[in-house]
Amino acid sequence: GNINQHSVKIKLKDKADLIKIDPHYIESFFNTGIAGQLVFREVTGGTRPAVDYTAIKSLQIPLPPIETQRRIAAEVKRRMDRAQQLEREAALQLQEAKKQAEAMILGGDGHFDRKRQSRVPDMQRAHEQEQAAG
């Protein structure tokens, strides 16, 4: 049913044209670019675009046999789970890389060392002297 113009709850039937429907397959379909394009064609409203209930109800969703739907839904879930796992691993690696960069910048132990702070201007002066001499 229509919750409001910008939020719709979709209630599935068990079958359509004698083909059983897997709700996870439908979810997978709605998360594809194809579904996005189909829905985008039905958008109404200028300042606050929306898709009305009638437009959603008229969408034609490809329905393969139930076993194919289940296979597709399972593969999509497997890939999404893997993508989420990789995102978590990447976030941990990024966090570790930041810690290591901070430790290299601030000193081996990660604490600010005033002696090391003075090295940057000294190194810069030495570089400038080399450039002037050369």
C-alpha atoms as a PDB file:
ATOM      1  CA  GLY A   1       0.000   0.000   0.000  1.00  0.00           C
ATOM      2  CA  ASN A   2       0.881   3.636  -0.373  1.00  0.00           C
ATOM      3  CA  ILE A   3       2.470   4.990   2.834  1.00  0.00           C
ATOM      4  CA  ASN A   4       3.036   8.408   1.270  1.00  0.00           C
ATOM      5  CA  GLN A   5       4.148   9.736  -2.094  1.00  0.00           C
ATOM      6  CA  HIS A   6       7.807   9.014  -1.317  1.00  0.00           C
ATOM      7  CA  SER A   7       7.504   5.665   0.447  1.00  0.00           C
ATOM      8  CA  VAL A   8       5.622   2.610  -0.747  1.00  0.00           C
ATOM      9  CA  LYS A   9       5.296  -0.778   0.872  1.00  0.00           C
ATOM     10  CA  ILE A  10       5.172  -3.540  -1.709  1.00  0.00           C
ATOM     11  CA  LYS A  11       3.178  -6.619  -0.770  1.00  0.00           C
ATOM     12  CA  LEU A  12       3.880  -9.596  -3.016  1.00  0.00           C
ATOM     13  CA  LYS A  13       1.492 -12.273  -4.137  1.00  0.00           C
ATOM     14  CA  ASP A  14       2.657 -15.876  -3.892  1.00  0.00           C
ATOM     15  CA  LYS A  15       2.328 -16.312  -7.655  1.00  0.00           C
ATOM     16  CA  ALA A  16       1.979 -14.308 -10.850  1.00  0.00           C
ATOM     17  CA  ASP A  17       0.711 -16.063 -13.958  1.00  0.00           C
ATOM     18  CA  LEU A  18       1.237 -19.403 -12.170  1.00  0.00           C
ATOM     19  CA  ILE A  19       4.914 -18.588 -11.477  1.00  0.00           C
ATOM     20  CA  LYS A  20       5.923 -18.545  -7.823  1.00  0.00           C
ATOM     21  CA  ILE A  21       7.649 -15.379  -6.595  1.00  0.00           C
ATOM     22  CA  ASP A  22      10.746 -15.255  -4.402  1.00  0.00           C
ATOM     23  CA  PRO A  23      10.758 -11.952  -2.436  1.00  0.00           C
ATOM     24  CA  HIS A  24      14.591 -11.928  -2.358  1.00  0.00           C
ATOM     25  CA  TYR A  25      14.628 -12.105  -6.165  1.00  0.00           C
ATOM     26  CA  ILE A  26      12.262  -9.107  -6.310  1.00  0.00           C
ATOM     27  CA  GLU A  27      14.528  -7.228  -3.889  1.00  0.00           C
ATOM     28  CA  SER A  28      17.511  -8.089  -6.080  1.00  0.00           C
ATOM     29  CA  PHE A  29      15.639  -6.867  -9.144  1.00  0.00           C
ATOM     30  CA  PHE A  30      14.753  -3.532  -7.543  1.00  0.00           C
ATOM     31  CA  ASN A  31      18.417  -2.995  -6.673  1.00  0.00           C
ATOM     32  CA  THR A  32      19.510  -3.241 -10.320  1.00  0.00           C
ATOM     33  CA  GLY A  33      20.117  -0.454 -12.789  1.00  0.00           C
ATOM     34  CA  ILE A  34      17.387  -1.876 -15.032  1.00  0.00           C
ATOM     35  CA  ALA A  35      14.765  -1.447 -12.320  1.00  0.00           C
ATOM     36  CA  GLY A  36      16.106   2.031 -11.594  1.00  0.00           C
ATOM     37  CA  GLN A  37      15.654   3.005 -15.234  1.00  0.00           C
ATOM     38  CA  LEU A  38      12.148   1.541 -15.363  1.00  0.00           C
ATOM     39  CA  VAL A  39      11.146   3.364 -12.192  1.00  0.00           C
ATOM     40  CA  PHE A  40      12.808   6.613 -13.307  1.00  0.00           C
ATOM     41  CA  ARG A  41      10.611   6.649 -16.431  1.00  0.00           C
ATOM     42  CA  GLU A  42       7.571   6.774 -14.136  1.00  0.00           C
ATOM     43  CA  VAL A  43       8.796   9.705 -12.008  1.00  0.00           C
ATOM     44  CA  THR A  44       6.356  12.588 -11.650  1.00  0.00           C
ATOM     45  CA  GLY A  45       6.635  15.986 -10.010  1.00  0.00           C
ATOM     46  CA  GLY A  46       9.072  18.789 -10.697  1.00  0.00           C
ATOM     47  CA  THR A  47      10.386  20.074  -7.395  1.00  0.00           C
ATOM     48  CA  ARG A  48       9.895  16.872  -5.431  1.00  0.00           C
ATOM     49  CA  PRO A  49      10.028  13.892  -7.810  1.00  0.00           C
ATOM     50  CA  ALA A  50       8.045  10.803  -6.865  1.00  0.00           C
ATOM     51  CA  VAL A  51       6.807   7.516  -8.256  1.00  0.00           C
ATOM     52  CA  ASP A  52       3.163   6.903  -7.518  1.00  0.00           C
ATOM     53  CA  TYR A  53       1.605   3.619  -6.500  1.00  0.00           C
ATOM     54  CA  THR A  54      -0.085   3.097  -9.876  1.00  0.00           C
ATOM     55  CA  ALA A  55       3.264   3.426 -11.675  1.00  0.00           C
ATOM     56  CA  ILE A  56       4.921   0.901  -9.366  1.00  0.00           C
ATOM     57  CA  LYS A  57       1.996  -1.473  -9.739  1.00  0.00           C
ATOM     58  CA  SER A  58       2.309  -1.318 -13.524  1.00  0.00           C
ATOM     59  CA  LEU A  59       6.029  -2.214 -13.585  1.00  0.00           C
ATOM     60  CA  GLN A  60       6.723  -5.395 -15.473  1.00  0.00           C
ATOM     61  CA  ILE A  61       9.250  -7.500 -13.614  1.00  0.00           C
ATOM     62  CA  PRO A  62      10.817 -10.449 -15.437  1.00  0.00           C
ATOM     63  CA  LEU A  63       9.836 -13.628 -13.607  1.00  0.00           C
ATOM     64  CA  PRO A  64      11.897 -16.700 -14.440  1.00  0.00           C
ATOM     65  CA  PRO A  65      10.993 -20.059 -12.859  1.00  0.00           C
ATOM     66  CA  ILE A  66      11.180 -20.070  -9.048  1.00  0.00           C
ATOM     67  CA  GLU A  67      14.413 -22.115  -8.962  1.00  0.00           C
ATOM     68  CA  THR A  68      16.109 -19.540 -11.217  1.00  0.00           C
ATOM     69  CA  GLN A  69      14.808 -16.731  -9.000  1.00  0.00           C
ATOM     70  CA  ARG A  70      16.234 -18.476  -5.942  1.00  0.00           C
ATOM     71  CA  ARG A  71      19.594 -19.060  -7.654  1.00  0.00           C
ATOM     72  CA  ILE A  72      19.797 -15.397  -8.685  1.00  0.00           C
ATOM     73  CA  ALA A  73      18.794 -14.161  -5.238  1.00  0.00           C
ATOM     74  CA  ALA A  74      21.339 -16.466  -3.538  1.00  0.00           C
ATOM     75  CA  GLU A  75      24.152 -15.315  -5.853  1.00  0.00           C
ATOM     76  CA  VAL A  76      23.269 -11.646  -5.318  1.00  0.00           C
ATOM     77  CA  LYS A  77      23.283 -12.201  -1.547  1.00  0.00           C
ATOM     78  CA  ARG A  78      26.630 -14.005  -1.712  1.00  0.00           C
ATOM     79  CA  ARG A  79      28.183 -11.161  -3.704  1.00  0.00           C
ATOM     80  CA  MET A  80      26.685  -8.451  -1.480  1.00  0.00           C
ATOM     81  CA  ASP A  81      27.949 -10.233   1.642  1.00  0.00           C
ATOM     82  CA  ARG A  82      31.418 -10.472   0.084  1.00  0.00           C
ATOM     83  CA  ALA A  83      31.342  -6.786  -0.886  1.00  0.00           C
ATOM     84  CA  GLN A  84      30.412  -5.819   2.679  1.00  0.00           C
ATOM     85  CA  GLN A  85      33.219  -8.005   4.036  1.00  0.00           C
ATOM     86  CA  LEU A  86      35.705  -6.328   1.681  1.00  0.00           C
ATOM     87  CA  GLU A  87      34.442  -2.886   2.747  1.00  0.00           C
ATOM     88  CA  ARG A  88      35.029  -3.775   6.406  1.00  0.00           C
ATOM     89  CA  GLU A  89      38.518  -5.092   5.619  1.00  0.00           C
ATOM     90  CA  ALA A  90      39.332  -1.975   3.592  1.00  0.00           C
ATOM     91  CA  ALA A  91      38.154   0.282   6.433  1.00  0.00           C
ATOM     92  CA  LEU A  92      40.423  -1.584   8.874  1.00  0.00           C
ATOM     93  CA  GLN A  93      43.378  -1.353   6.495  1.00  0.00           C
ATOM     94  CA  LEU A  94      42.765   2.364   5.999  1.00  0.00           C
ATOM     95  CA  GLN A  95      42.606   2.902   9.750  1.00  0.00           C
ATOM     96  CA  GLU A  96      45.879   0.977  10.204  1.00  0.00           C
ATOM     97  CA  ALA A  97      47.556   2.926   7.375  1.00  0.00           C
ATOM     98  CA  LYS A  98      46.537   6.216   9.025  1.00  0.00           C
ATOM     99  CA  LYS A  99      47.998   5.054  12.340  1.00  0.00           C
ATOM    100  CA  GLN A 100      51.242   4.060  10.648  1.00  0.00           C
ATOM    101  CA  ALA A 101      51.428   7.390   8.781  1.00  0.00           C
ATOM    102  CA  GLU A 102      50.873   9.293  12.031  1.00  0.00           C
ATOM    103  CA  ALA A 103      53.593   7.258  13.723  1.00  0.00           C
ATOM    104  CA  MET A 104      56.029   7.985  10.885  1.00  0.00           C
ATOM    105  CA  ILE A 105      55.181  11.700  10.926  1.00  0.00           C
ATOM    106  CA  LEU A 106      55.184  12.181  14.694  1.00  0.00           C
ATOM    107  CA  GLY A 107      58.013   9.822  15.510  1.00  0.00           C
ATOM    108  CA  GLY A 108      58.379   6.107  15.959  1.00  0.00           C
ATOM    109  CA  ASP A 109      56.190   5.914  19.036  1.00  0.00           C
ATOM    110  CA  GLY A 110      53.402   8.130  17.672  1.00  0.00           C
ATOM    111  CA  HIS A 111      54.083  10.964  20.123  1.00  0.00           C
ATOM    112  CA  PHE A 112      54.991  14.475  19.052  1.00  0.00           C
ATOM    113  CA  ASP A 113      58.731  15.126  19.406  1.00  0.00           C
ATOM    114  CA  ARG A 114      59.820  18.781  19.475  1.00  0.00           C
ATOM    115  CA  LYS A 115      63.352  17.804  18.416  1.00  0.00           C
ATOM    116  CA  ARG A 116      61.986  16.251  15.242  1.00  0.00           C
ATOM    117  CA  GLN A 117      59.832  19.331  14.622  1.00  0.00           C
ATOM    118  CA  SER A 118      62.936  21.495  14.186  1.00  0.00           C
ATOM    119  CA  ARG A 119      64.362  19.121  11.576  1.00  0.00           C
ATOM    120  CA  VAL A 120      61.931  20.198   8.876  1.00  0.00           C
ATOM    121  CA  PRO A 121      63.103  23.839   8.762  1.00  0.00           C
ATOM    122  CA  ASP A 122      66.732  22.656   9.103  1.00  0.00           C
ATOM    123  CA  MET A 123      66.262  20.257   6.174  1.00  0.00           C
ATOM    124  CA  GLN A 124      64.541  22.964   4.173  1.00  0.00           C
ATOM    125  CA  ARG A 125      67.423  25.410   4.878  1.00  0.00           C
ATOM    126  CA  ALA A 126      69.990  22.799   3.844  1.00  0.00           C
ATOM    127  CA  HIS A 127      68.085  22.184   0.623  1.00  0.00           C
ATOM    128  CA  GLU A 128      67.925  25.917  -0.095  1.00  0.00           C
ATOM    129  CA  GLN A 129      71.675  26.250   0.554  1.00  0.00           C
ATOM    130  CA  GLU A 130      72.379  23.374  -1.848  1.00  0.00           C
ATOM    131  CA  GLN A 131      70.210  25.027  -4.508  1.00  0.00           C
ATOM    132  CA  ALA A 132      71.991  28.381  -4.050  1.00  0.00           C
ATOM    133  CA  ALA A 133      75.450  26.767  -4.196  1.00  0.00           C
ATOM    134  CA  GLY A 134      74.672  24.623  -7.206  1.00  0.00           C
END
